[in-house]
PDB file of N, CA and C in Angstrom:
ATOM      1  N   MET A   1     122.788 -83.869 116.511  1.00  0.00           N
ATOM      2  CA  MET A   1     123.423 -83.137 115.587  1.00  0.00           C
ATOM      3  C   MET A   1     123.405 -83.327 114.304  1.00  0.00           C
ATOM      4  N   THR A   2     123.432 -82.762 112.893  1.00  0.00           N
ATOM      5  CA  THR A   2     123.426 -83.190 111.874  1.00  0.00           C
ATOM      6  C   THR A   2     124.056 -83.671 110.914  1.00  0.00           C
ATOM      7  N   LYS A   3     123.552 -84.408 109.911  1.00  0.00           N
ATOM      8  CA  LYS A   3     124.850 -85.384 109.404  1.00  0.00           C
ATOM      9  C   LYS A   3     125.352 -84.764 108.664  1.00  0.00           C
ATOM     10  N   ASP A   4     126.575 -84.381 107.923  1.00  0.00           N
ATOM     11  CA  ASP A   4     127.251 -84.216 106.472  1.00  0.00           C
ATOM     12  C   ASP A   4     127.146 -85.185 105.712  1.00  0.00           C
ATOM     13  N   HIS A   5     126.798 -84.059 104.487  1.00  0.00           N
ATOM     14  CA  HIS A   5     126.179 -85.340 103.394  1.00  0.00           C
ATOM     15  C   HIS A   5     127.473 -84.986 101.937  1.00  0.00           C
ATOM     16  N   GLY A   6     128.530 -84.662 103.191  1.00  0.00           N
ATOM     17  CA  GLY A   6     129.319 -83.793 101.300  1.00  0.00           C
ATOM     18  C   GLY A   6     129.165 -82.939 100.890  1.00  0.00           C
ATOM     19  N   PRO A   7     130.058 -82.620 100.108  1.00  0.00           N
ATOM     20  CA  PRO A   7     129.882 -81.660  99.037  1.00  0.00           C
ATOM     21  C   PRO A   7     128.386 -80.956  98.359  1.00  0.00           C
ATOM     22  N   SER A   8     127.854 -82.616  97.687  1.00  0.00           N
ATOM     23  CA  SER A   8     126.632 -82.344  96.922  1.00  0.00           C
ATOM     24  C   SER A   8     125.601 -81.824  97.635  1.00  0.00           C
ATOM     25  N   ILE A   9     125.423 -81.553  99.068  1.00  0.00           N
ATOM     26  CA  ILE A   9     124.084 -81.244  99.430  1.00  0.00           C
ATOM     27  C   ILE A   9     124.832 -79.892 100.103  1.00  0.00           C
ATOM     28  N   LYS A  10     124.430 -78.763  99.903  1.00  0.00           N
ATOM     29  CA  LYS A  10     124.926 -77.428 100.310  1.00  0.00           C
ATOM     30  C   LYS A  10     123.853 -77.057 101.655  1.00  0.00           C
ATOM     31  N   ASN A  11     122.901 -77.740 101.816  1.00  0.00           N
ATOM     32  CA  ASN A  11     122.154 -77.006 103.468  1.00  0.00           C
ATOM     33  C   ASN A  11     121.484 -78.724 103.542  1.00  0.00           C
ATOM     34  N   ASP A  12     122.613 -78.804 104.955  1.00  0.00           N
ATOM     35  CA  ASP A  12     122.471 -80.246 105.294  1.00  0.00           C
ATOM     36  C   ASP A  12     120.691 -80.067 106.581  1.00  0.00           C
ATOM     37  N   ASP A  13     120.734 -79.611 107.026  1.00  0.00           N
ATOM     38  CA  ASP A  13     119.788 -79.231 107.866  1.00  0.00           C
ATOM     39  C   ASP A  13     118.557 -79.340 107.053  1.00  0.00           C
ATOM     40  N   LEU A  14     118.482 -78.208 106.034  1.00  0.00           N
ATOM     41  CA  LEU A  14     116.974 -78.436 105.599  1.00  0.00           C
ATOM     42  C   LEU A  14     117.010 -80.335 104.505  1.00  0.00           C
ATOM     43  N   TYR A  15     117.962 -80.642 103.966  1.00  0.00           N
ATOM     44  CA  TYR A  15     117.962 -82.164 103.610  1.00  0.00           C
ATOM     45  C   TYR A  15     117.463 -82.804 104.087  1.00  0.00           C
ATOM     46  N   GLU A  16     117.670 -82.791 105.337  1.00  0.00           N
ATOM     47  CA  GLU A  16     117.045 -84.052 106.266  1.00  0.00           C
ATOM     48  C   GLU A  16     115.558 -83.913 106.862  1.00  0.00           C
ATOM     49  N   ASP A  17     115.544 -82.249 106.709  1.00  0.00           N
ATOM     50  CA  ASP A  17     113.777 -82.054 107.071  1.00  0.00           C
ATOM     51  C   ASP A  17     113.252 -82.647 105.793  1.00  0.00           C
ATOM     52  N   LEU A  18     113.431 -82.068 104.638  1.00  0.00           N
ATOM     53  CA  LEU A  18     112.637 -82.437 103.766  1.00  0.00           C
ATOM     54  C   LEU A  18     112.497 -84.167 103.464  1.00  0.00           C
ATOM     55  N   ARG A  19     113.840 -84.822 103.819  1.00  0.00           N
ATOM     56  CA  ARG A  19     113.494 -86.505 103.616  1.00  0.00           C
ATOM     57  C   ARG A  19     112.849 -86.859 104.639  1.00  0.00           C
ATOM     58  N   ASP A  20     112.817 -86.186 106.090  1.00  0.00           N
ATOM     59  CA  ASP A  20     112.127 -86.722 106.785  1.00  0.00           C
ATOM     60  C   ASP A  20     110.819 -86.333 106.483  1.00  0.00           C
ATOM     61  N   GLU A  21     110.078 -85.321 105.561  1.00  0.00           N
ATOM     62  CA  GLU A  21     108.413 -85.325 105.332  1.00  0.00           C
ATOM     63  C   GLU A  21     108.648 -86.252 104.218  1.00  0.00           C
ATOM     64  N   GLY A  22     109.318 -87.009 103.540  1.00  0.00           N
ATOM     65  CA  GLY A  22     109.319 -88.037 102.472  1.00  0.00           C
ATOM     66  C   GLY A  22     109.418 -87.526 100.759  1.00  0.00           C
ATOM     67  N   MET A  23     109.875 -86.471 100.902  1.00  0.00           N
ATOM     68  CA  MET A  23     110.479 -86.504  99.725  1.00  0.00           C
ATOM     69  C   MET A  23     111.734 -87.399  99.540  1.00  0.00           C
ATOM     70  N   SER A  24     111.700 -87.516  98.224  1.00  0.00           N
ATOM     71  CA  SER A  24     112.788 -88.381  97.536  1.00  0.00           C
ATOM     72  C   SER A  24     114.286 -87.834  97.505  1.00  0.00           C
ATOM     73  N   LYS A  25     115.123 -88.367  97.499  1.00  0.00           N
ATOM     74  CA  LYS A  25     116.742 -87.371  98.314  1.00  0.00           C
ATOM     75  C   LYS A  25     117.008 -86.965  96.778  1.00  0.00           C
ATOM     76  N   GLU A  26     116.357 -87.437  95.849  1.00  0.00           N
ATOM     77  CA  GLU A  26     116.722 -86.242  94.596  1.00  0.00           C
ATOM     78  C   GLU A  26     115.885 -84.865  94.379  1.00  0.00           C
ATOM     79  N   LYS A  27     115.177 -84.972  95.214  1.00  0.00           N
ATOM     80  CA  LYS A  27     114.140 -83.823  95.072  1.00  0.00           C
ATOM     81  C   LYS A  27     114.717 -82.846  96.227  1.00  0.00           C
ATOM     82  N   ALA A  28     114.671 -83.614  97.680  1.00  0.00           N
ATOM     83  CA  ALA A  28     115.336 -82.591  98.947  1.00  0.00           C
ATOM     84  C   ALA A  28     116.365 -82.296  98.537  1.00  0.00           C
ATOM     85  N   ALA A  29     117.545 -82.728  97.726  1.00  0.00           N
ATOM     86  CA  ALA A  29     119.070 -81.969  97.093  1.00  0.00           C
ATOM     87  C   ALA A  29     118.804 -80.553  96.628  1.00  0.00           C
ATOM     88  N   ARG A  30     117.768 -81.248  95.575  1.00  0.00           N
ATOM     89  CA  ARG A  30     117.357 -79.769  94.635  1.00  0.00           C
ATOM     90  C   ARG A  30     116.809 -78.963  95.165  1.00  0.00           C
ATOM     91  N   ILE A  31     116.021 -78.760  96.222  1.00  0.00           N
ATOM     92  CA  ILE A  31     115.629 -78.072  96.953  1.00  0.00           C
ATOM     93  C   ILE A  31     116.651 -77.379  98.160  1.00  0.00           C
ATOM     94  N   ALA A  32     117.361 -77.495  98.951  1.00  0.00           N
ATOM     95  CA  ALA A  32     118.518 -77.761  99.597  1.00  0.00           C
ATOM     96  C   ALA A  32     119.630 -77.479  98.883  1.00  0.00           C
ATOM     97  N   ASN A  33     119.603 -77.410  97.723  1.00  0.00           N
ATOM     98  CA  ASN A  33     120.616 -76.798  97.665  1.00  0.00           C
ATOM     99  C   ASN A  33     120.681 -75.244  96.479  1.00  0.00           C
ATOM    100  N   ALA A  34     119.115 -75.464  96.042  1.00  0.00           N
ATOM    101  CA  ALA A  34     118.655 -73.858  95.558  1.00  0.00           C
ATOM    102  C   ALA A  34     118.367 -72.829  96.582  1.00  0.00           C
ATOM    103  N   LYS A  35     117.995 -73.394  97.755  1.00  0.00           N
ATOM    104  CA  LYS A  35     117.783 -72.708  99.109  1.00  0.00           C
ATOM    105  C   LYS A  35     119.420 -72.025  99.410  1.00  0.00           C
ATOM    106  N   ALA A  36     120.269 -72.875  99.720  1.00  0.00           N
ATOM    107  CA  ALA A  36     121.462 -72.191  99.777  1.00  0.00           C
ATOM    108  C   ALA A  36     121.912 -71.604  99.011  1.00  0.00           C
ATOM    109  N   ASN A  37     121.734 -71.084  97.445  1.00  0.00           N
ATOM    110  CA  ASN A  37     122.101 -70.363  96.739  1.00  0.00           C
ATOM    111  C   ASN A  37     121.506 -69.310  96.696  1.00  0.00           C
ATOM    112  N   ASP A  38     121.930 -67.902  97.007  1.00  0.00           N
ATOM    113  CA  ASP A  38     121.687 -66.924  97.109  1.00  0.00           C
ATOM    114  C   ASP A  38     120.645 -66.418  96.107  1.00  0.00           C
ATOM    115  N   GLU A  39     121.331 -66.869  94.738  1.00  0.00           N
ATOM    116  CA  GLU A  39     121.350 -66.711  93.020  1.00  0.00           C
ATOM    117  C   GLU A  39     119.938 -67.077  92.757  1.00  0.00           C
ATOM    118  N   MET A  40     119.180 -67.992  93.567  1.00  0.00           N
ATOM    119  CA  MET A  40     117.874 -68.902  93.080  1.00  0.00           C
ATOM    120  C   MET A  40     116.937 -68.406  94.128  1.00  0.00           C
ATOM    121  N   HIS A  41     116.087 -68.750  93.687  1.00  0.00           N
ATOM    122  CA  HIS A  41     114.689 -68.332  94.875  1.00  0.00           C
ATOM    123  C   HIS A  41     113.851 -69.567  94.228  1.00  0.00           C
ATOM    124  N   PRO A  42     113.797 -70.949  94.739  1.00  0.00           N
ATOM    125  CA  PRO A  42     113.015 -71.646  94.950  1.00  0.00           C
ATOM    126  C   PRO A  42     111.612 -71.419  95.002  1.00  0.00           C
ATOM    127  N   SER A  43     111.211 -70.670  96.027  1.00  0.00           N
ATOM    128  CA  SER A  43     109.784 -70.186  95.658  1.00  0.00           C
ATOM    129  C   SER A  43     109.142 -69.382  95.153  1.00  0.00           C
ATOM    130  N   ARG A  44     109.981 -68.566  94.438  1.00  0.00           N
ATOM    131  CA  ARG A  44     108.847 -67.939  93.449  1.00  0.00           C
ATOM    132  C   ARG A  44     108.782 -69.228  92.373  1.00  0.00           C
ATOM    133  N   LYS A  45     107.774 -68.454  91.249  1.00  0.00           N
ATOM    134  CA  LYS A  45     107.259 -68.732  90.034  1.00  0.00           C
ATOM    135  C   LYS A  45     107.906 -69.898  89.582  1.00  0.00           C
ATOM    136  N   GLY A  46     108.310 -71.014  88.681  1.00  0.00           N
ATOM    137  CA  GLY A  46     109.460 -71.083  87.825  1.00  0.00           C
ATOM    138  C   GLY A  46     108.816 -70.912  86.757  1.00  0.00           C
ATOM    139  N   GLY A  47     109.513 -71.588  85.474  1.00  0.00           N
ATOM    140  CA  GLY A  47     109.538 -71.254  84.403  1.00  0.00           C
ATOM    141  C   GLY A  47     108.458 -70.444  83.438  1.00  0.00           C
ATOM    142  N   LYS A  48     108.722 -70.427  81.897  1.00  0.00           N
ATOM    143  CA  LYS A  48     107.585 -70.264  81.001  1.00  0.00           C
ATOM    144  C   LYS A  48     106.522 -71.481  80.948  1.00  0.00           C
ATOM    145  N   GLN A  49     106.525 -72.398  81.336  1.00  0.00           N
ATOM    146  CA  GLN A  49     106.318 -73.271  80.786  1.00  0.00           C
ATOM    147  C   GLN A  49     104.575 -73.798  80.765  1.00  0.00           C
ATOM    148  N   PRO A  50     103.701 -74.092  80.170  1.00  0.00           N
ATOM    149  CA  PRO A  50     102.342 -74.102  80.667  1.00  0.00           C
ATOM    150  C   PRO A  50     101.861 -74.734  81.503  1.00  0.00           C
ATOM    151  N   PRO A  51     101.067 -74.926  82.709  1.00  0.00           N
ATOM    152  CA  PRO A  51     100.775 -76.054  83.554  1.00  0.00           C
ATOM    153  C   PRO A  51     100.594 -77.136  82.505  1.00  0.00           C
ATOM    154  N   TYR A  52     100.863 -78.676  83.711  1.00  0.00           N
ATOM    155  CA  TYR A  52     100.392 -79.328  82.829  1.00  0.00           C
ATOM    156  C   TYR A  52      98.958 -80.117  82.323  1.00  0.00           C
ATOM    157  N   GLU A  53      97.883 -79.235  82.206  1.00  0.00           N
ATOM    158  CA  GLU A  53      96.931 -79.516  82.312  1.00  0.00           C
ATOM    159  C   GLU A  53      96.531 -79.272  80.531  1.00  0.00           C
ATOM    160  N   GLU A  54      97.545 -78.328  80.392  1.00  0.00           N
ATOM    161  CA  GLU A  54      96.888 -77.556  79.094  1.00  0.00           C
ATOM    162  C   GLU A  54      98.155 -79.075  77.812  1.00  0.00           C
ATOM    163  N   TRP A  55      99.151 -79.523  78.539  1.00  0.00           N
ATOM    164  CA  TRP A  55     100.199 -80.241  77.896  1.00  0.00           C
ATOM    165  C   TRP A  55      98.870 -81.628  77.591  1.00  0.00           C
ATOM    166  N   THR A  56      99.578 -82.026  75.933  1.00  0.00           N
ATOM    167  CA  THR A  56      98.915 -83.591  75.567  1.00  0.00           C
ATOM    168  C   THR A  56      99.458 -84.334  76.449  1.00  0.00           C
ATOM    169  N   LYS A  57      99.049 -85.785  75.979  1.00  0.00           N
ATOM    170  CA  LYS A  57      99.261 -86.734  77.140  1.00  0.00           C
ATOM    171  C   LYS A  57     100.610 -87.065  76.740  1.00  0.00           C
ATOM    172  N   ASP A  58     100.563 -87.311  75.212  1.00  0.00           N
ATOM    173  CA  ASP A  58     101.903 -87.333  74.900  1.00  0.00           C
ATOM    174  C   ASP A  58     103.288 -86.420  75.052  1.00  0.00           C
ATOM    175  N   ASP A  59     102.842 -85.226  75.338  1.00  0.00           N
ATOM    176  CA  ASP A  59     104.149 -84.547  75.861  1.00  0.00           C
ATOM    177  C   ASP A  59     104.601 -85.129  77.385  1.00  0.00           C
ATOM    178  N   LEU A  60     103.376 -85.074  77.981  1.00  0.00           N
ATOM    179  CA  LEU A  60     103.114 -85.972  79.456  1.00  0.00           C
ATOM    180  C   LEU A  60     104.088 -86.978  79.694  1.00  0.00           C
ATOM    181  N   TYR A  61     103.729 -87.758  78.940  1.00  0.00           N
ATOM    182  CA  TYR A  61     104.316 -89.403  78.828  1.00  0.00           C
ATOM    183  C   TYR A  61     105.835 -89.323  78.283  1.00  0.00           C
ATOM    184  N   ALA A  62     106.471 -88.110  77.226  1.00  0.00           N
ATOM    185  CA  ALA A  62     107.888 -88.086  76.872  1.00  0.00           C
ATOM    186  C   ALA A  62     108.428 -87.282  78.306  1.00  0.00           C
ATOM    187  N   ARG A  63     107.652 -86.592  79.218  1.00  0.00           N
ATOM    188  CA  ARG A  63     108.331 -85.897  80.419  1.00  0.00           C
ATOM    189  C   ARG A  63     108.475 -86.766  81.160  1.00  0.00           C
ATOM    190  N   ALA A  64     107.988 -87.592  81.597  1.00  0.00           N
ATOM    191  CA  ALA A  64     107.383 -88.932  82.857  1.00  0.00           C
ATOM    192  C   ALA A  64     109.162 -89.788  82.044  1.00  0.00           C
ATOM    193  N   GLN A  65     108.866 -90.522  80.981  1.00  0.00           N
ATOM    194  CA  GLN A  65     109.859 -91.317  80.025  1.00  0.00           C
ATOM    195  C   GLN A  65     111.434 -90.505  80.547  1.00  0.00           C
ATOM    196  N   GLU A  66     111.521 -88.876  80.427  1.00  0.00           N
ATOM    197  CA  GLU A  66     112.702 -88.439  80.291  1.00  0.00           C
ATOM    198  C   GLU A  66     113.008 -88.461  81.946  1.00  0.00           C
ATOM    199  N   ILE A  67     112.542 -88.381  82.828  1.00  0.00           N
ATOM    200  CA  ILE A  67     112.751 -88.267  84.140  1.00  0.00           C
ATOM    201  C   ILE A  67     113.050 -89.683  85.026  1.00  0.00           C
ATOM    202  N   GLY A  68     112.445 -90.700  84.105  1.00  0.00           N
ATOM    203  CA  GLY A  68     112.827 -92.217  84.575  1.00  0.00           C
ATOM    204  C   GLY A  68     111.142 -92.439  85.531  1.00  0.00           C
ATOM    205  N   ILE A  69     109.539 -91.766  85.390  1.00  0.00           N
ATOM    206  CA  ILE A  69     108.683 -91.981  85.833  1.00  0.00           C
ATOM    207  C   ILE A  69     108.090 -93.792  86.007  1.00  0.00           C
ATOM    208  N   ASP A  70     108.276 -95.033  86.746  1.00  0.00           N
ATOM    209  CA  ASP A  70     108.044 -95.888  86.443  1.00  0.00           C
ATOM    210  C   ASP A  70     106.780 -96.020  86.309  1.00  0.00           C
ATOM    211  N   GLY A  71     105.621 -97.349  85.520  1.00  0.00           N
ATOM    212  CA  GLY A  71     104.582 -97.452  84.999  1.00  0.00           C
ATOM    213  C   GLY A  71     103.659 -95.975  84.215  1.00  0.00           C
ATOM    214  N   ARG A  72     105.009 -95.715  83.670  1.00  0.00           N
ATOM    215  CA  ARG A  72     104.115 -94.186  83.005  1.00  0.00           C
ATOM    216  C   ARG A  72     102.877 -94.791  81.620  1.00  0.00           C
ATOM    217  N   SER A  73     103.225 -96.217  81.172  1.00  0.00           N
ATOM    218  CA  SER A  73     102.554 -96.576  80.354  1.00  0.00           C
ATOM    219  C   SER A  73     101.260 -96.784  80.331  1.00  0.00           C
ATOM    220  N   ASP A  74     101.463 -97.056  81.795  1.00  0.00           N
ATOM    221  CA  ASP A  74      99.983 -97.389  81.921  1.00  0.00           C
ATOM    222  C   ASP A  74      98.326 -96.298  82.376  1.00  0.00           C
ATOM    223  N   MET A  75      99.348 -95.207  82.651  1.00  0.00           N
ATOM    224  CA  MET A  75      99.013 -94.587  83.378  1.00  0.00           C
ATOM    225  C   MET A  75      97.237 -93.590  82.547  1.00  0.00           C
ATOM    226  N   SER A  76      96.911 -92.816  82.934  1.00  0.00           N
ATOM    227  CA  SER A  76      96.208 -91.816  82.268  1.00  0.00           C
ATOM    228  C   SER A  76      96.177 -89.949  82.426  1.00  0.00           C
ATOM    229  N   LYS A  77      95.912 -89.177  82.046  1.00  0.00           N
ATOM    230  CA  LYS A  77      96.883 -88.001  81.622  1.00  0.00           C
ATOM    231  C   LYS A  77      96.721 -87.788  83.012  1.00  0.00           C
ATOM    232  N   ASP A  78      95.675 -87.381  83.615  1.00  0.00           N
ATOM    233  CA  ASP A  78      95.634 -87.206  85.110  1.00  0.00           C
ATOM    234  C   ASP A  78      96.782 -87.627  85.620  1.00  0.00           C
ATOM    235  N   GLU A  79      96.921 -89.012  85.867  1.00  0.00           N
ATOM    236  CA  GLU A  79      98.290 -89.744  86.560  1.00  0.00           C
ATOM    237  C   GLU A  79      99.471 -89.414  86.151  1.00  0.00           C
ATOM    238  N   LEU A  80      99.349 -88.806  85.458  1.00  0.00           N
ATOM    239  CA  LEU A  80     101.040 -88.626  84.594  1.00  0.00           C
ATOM    240  C   LEU A  80     101.441 -86.712  85.445  1.00  0.00           C
ATOM    241  N   ILE A  81     100.319 -86.505  85.444  1.00  0.00           N
ATOM    242  CA  ILE A  81     100.156 -85.052  85.788  1.00  0.00           C
ATOM    243  C   ILE A  81     101.286 -85.437  87.271  1.00  0.00           C
ATOM    244  N   SER A  82      99.672 -86.265  87.704  1.00  0.00           N
ATOM    245  CA  SER A  82     100.122 -85.927  89.811  1.00  0.00           C
ATOM    246  C   SER A  82     101.700 -86.989  89.898  1.00  0.00           C
ATOM    247  N   ALA A  83     102.018 -87.760  88.823  1.00  0.00           N
ATOM    248  CA  ALA A  83     103.363 -88.617  89.552  1.00  0.00           C
ATOM    249  C   ALA A  83     104.315 -87.431  88.423  1.00  0.00           C
ATOM    250  N   LEU A  84     104.142 -86.925  87.702  1.00  0.00           N
ATOM    251  CA  LEU A  84     105.133 -85.273  87.407  1.00  0.00           C
ATOM    252  C   LEU A  84     105.425 -84.148  88.202  1.00  0.00           C
ATOM    253  N   ARG A  85     104.406 -83.942  89.019  1.00  0.00           N
ATOM    254  CA  ARG A  85     104.308 -83.291  89.970  1.00  0.00           C
ATOM    255  C   ARG A  85     104.858 -83.579  91.645  1.00  0.00           C
ATOM    256  N   SER A  86     104.487 -84.858  91.855  1.00  0.00           N
ATOM    257  CA  SER A  86     105.027 -85.410  92.751  1.00  0.00           C
ATOM    258  C   SER A  86     106.351 -85.924  92.801  1.00  0.00           C
ATOM    259  N   HIS A  87     107.286 -85.468  91.779  1.00  0.00           N
ATOM    260  CA  HIS A  87     108.540 -86.822  91.389  1.00  0.00           C
ATOM    261  C   HIS A  87     109.272 -85.911  92.001  1.00  0.00           C
TER     262      HIS A  87
END
């Protein structure tokens, strides 16, 4: 039986499946909650931002800082892109 994760998680089954696949609690919760909302479509392409490859290293660093990626100051541009995508 699926554990009830409280009101902050809208789709407990999907959340647990995503966690089992190795996703962070934050990412699994975002996806599970988006899938549970009929007005959201997480499988569709997102906003209008250009791909990370077109960002400057300074912009990538700033974004990594916003979301709290550890070790960002020692990362190359490619490493920052990878870390942002896997967050």
